[in-house]
Amino acid sequence: MRDTECCRRYNRQKQVLARYLTTRGSARRVKWEMLVLLALLLLCRGIGSTHGSPDDHAGDGDMMSLLDFKRAITSDPKRALASWNTSNPLCRWAGVTCGRAHRGRVITSLELAGQGLEGEITSSVRNLTFLRTLNLSANSFSGRLPPLGRLGKLEVLDLSRNSLRDAIPDGIANCSSLRILDLSNNSLVGELHPKLGLLSGLSALNLYENRLTGTIPPSLGNMTHLEELHLRNNSLSGSIPAELGKLSNLSILFLSKNSLSGGIPQSLLNLSSLWHLALDHNMLGGVLPPNIGDALPNLRWFFLHHNMFGGHIPASIGNCSKIEDIVLASNNFSGPVPGSFGKLSKLSFLVLDENMIEASNDESWGFLHAMGNCTLLQMISLEDNQLQGGIPSSIGNMSVNLQYLALSGNRLSGTVPPSIGNLHGLIYLFLTGNDLAGTIEGRFEKMTHLWYLHLQANYFTGAIPPSIGNLTNLIHLLLSENAFSSHIPASLENLQFLLSLNISDNNLSGKIPRTLGNLQQLMVMDLGNNDLSGKIPRTLGNLQQLIIMELGNNNLSGKIPRTLGNLQQLTFMDLSHNNLEGDIPSNLSDLGQLYHLDLSDNKLKGIIP
């Protein structure tokens, strides 16, 4: 109604002015009527703008701020900002969401994640004072983090996966409505300001993958709504603040890959809602609290690897009935693996490498029998510990889902129990560097899913079973440094995915099978330090992917095949200490990648190419 009345008055005044102009009224009177007309015109436009749609009229200030933001963009490969121009209504610009509650400051969300944008984030963004969500993640923004302290209504700030640098402005603590703050995967430096603790409404604080230094502020303990705290992969030092124990809603605590020291504060045992606890790759030490498993019953992930923790692994961890992954590798834990781990029905990964864990009798090996109940177990790794004696036959009762078994670097002795063959699902089997002996016949031929079979540096004897050729998925076959005898089985030609074959340092004799030349994917072939005889098969020249050929220290005879000059990827060739004769093939000079060639201690003659 007001718009209609205004227009009626405007038109009436225009008619009056026209009449005066027609009758040539006084100049003063004409000037007065023109001023009245102008005032009415401005009034009508003002009223119209208050009732126009936000899409068409509102947000001029926000528009100017966004155009300033756009001017700082140096690359827009996906044309994400193509719609950002004054000919389009502001609220129809890509990535912009408007609200209708406020005139002139209508933008409530700016989301341009993953658009490949390059440039700097201008300080004009701070003028978008009704903004609730600012998501510019997964772009290539550089420069400093702009001051954003005026954005008091901001709830979500996600600038992750960019190249932002410099320190986090302490003014960000003025964004009192923030619920999610994600600045991860940038190049931010400096210390965490204690004022961050003023963001008491935060539910997620993600600052991982930066270059932050200094200590973790105790004031973070004031963020009582916090559910996720990610500070991993920075350069933070000092101890873990006891105040973090006040974060009763915390479900994820990732402090990995820093330089934190000291122990686990007793107060962290108050975090009964914790699902994921990752403190790995620090300098933390001490003994784990004996009741840690009782205090943190909801744990799913427990990562403490690459620290300096010692003492026994608490048996109470066996009460974490929801736990899936336990990774305690590279510490100083001693004693046996707790038998209580057999109660962990959801356990998938158990990684205890590089500790001082012991097992030498039936009692200390009891955990292996108990863990037959862990039917979801996929990985168990106990490499580089102090396990002794024979591998218990109960190993064959492990989960049919087991894919990874690593017992290398211990003092295991005796024979490998035939029951290990029950583990049909194994993909990785590592028994390297023990004192295992006897034959391997009948142990592995049913493990047809195997990719890696590492048995080197033991005392295995007898022949390499032809049944190894049944393991057609093998990628790495490492049998070196044992006492295998007899011939190289021709069945190895069935291993068409093989990348690495190392059977060096054994007592193998006979000829090199011609069929090894059929292993088209082979990159490493090491047959050195055996008693192989006969000629080098010409077919080895078919191994177009071969990088390393080691045939030294055998009794090979005859000429070096010219076909070896076809191995264009070869970088290392050792044919030394054999009985090779004749000329060195001239085409070996065509091997442009070759940096090591050893033909010494043979009966070769002629000109060196």
Foldseek 3Di string as FASTA:
>chain_A
DVLVVLVVVLVVLVVVLVVCVVVVHDPVVNVVSVVVNVVSVVVSVVVVLVPDDLQQRFQPLVLVLVVVQVVQWPDQPQCQQVQSDPVGRPCPRRQFHFQDPDGRLTTATGADEQRQIEGEGDLSVLVSQNHAYYHHDHYAYEEADHQNLSNLNHAYDHHDQYAYEEADDLSVLNNQNYAEDAHDHYAYEEEDDLSVLSNLNYQEDHHDNYAYEEEDHLSVLSNQNHAEYHHEHYAYEEEDDLSVLSNQNHAYDAHYHYAYEEEDDPSVLSNQNHAEDAHANYAYEEEDPLQSLVSNLNYAYAHHEHYAYEEADRLSVLNNQNYAEDAHAHYAYEEADHLSVLSNQNYAYAHHYHYAYEDDDCVRLVSLLSVLNNQNYAEDEHAQYAYEEADDLSNLSHHLNHAYYYHYNYAYEEEHDQSQCSNQNYAYYHHHHYAYEEECPNRHLSNLNYAYDAHAQYAYEEADDLSVLSNQNYAEDAHDHYAYEEADHLSVLSNQNYAEDAHAHYAYEEEDDLSVLNNQNYAYDAHYHYAYEEADHLSVLSNQNYAEAHHEHYAYEEEDHLSVLNNQNYAEYAHDDYAYEEEDRPSVVVNVNHDYYHHYHYHYDDDDD
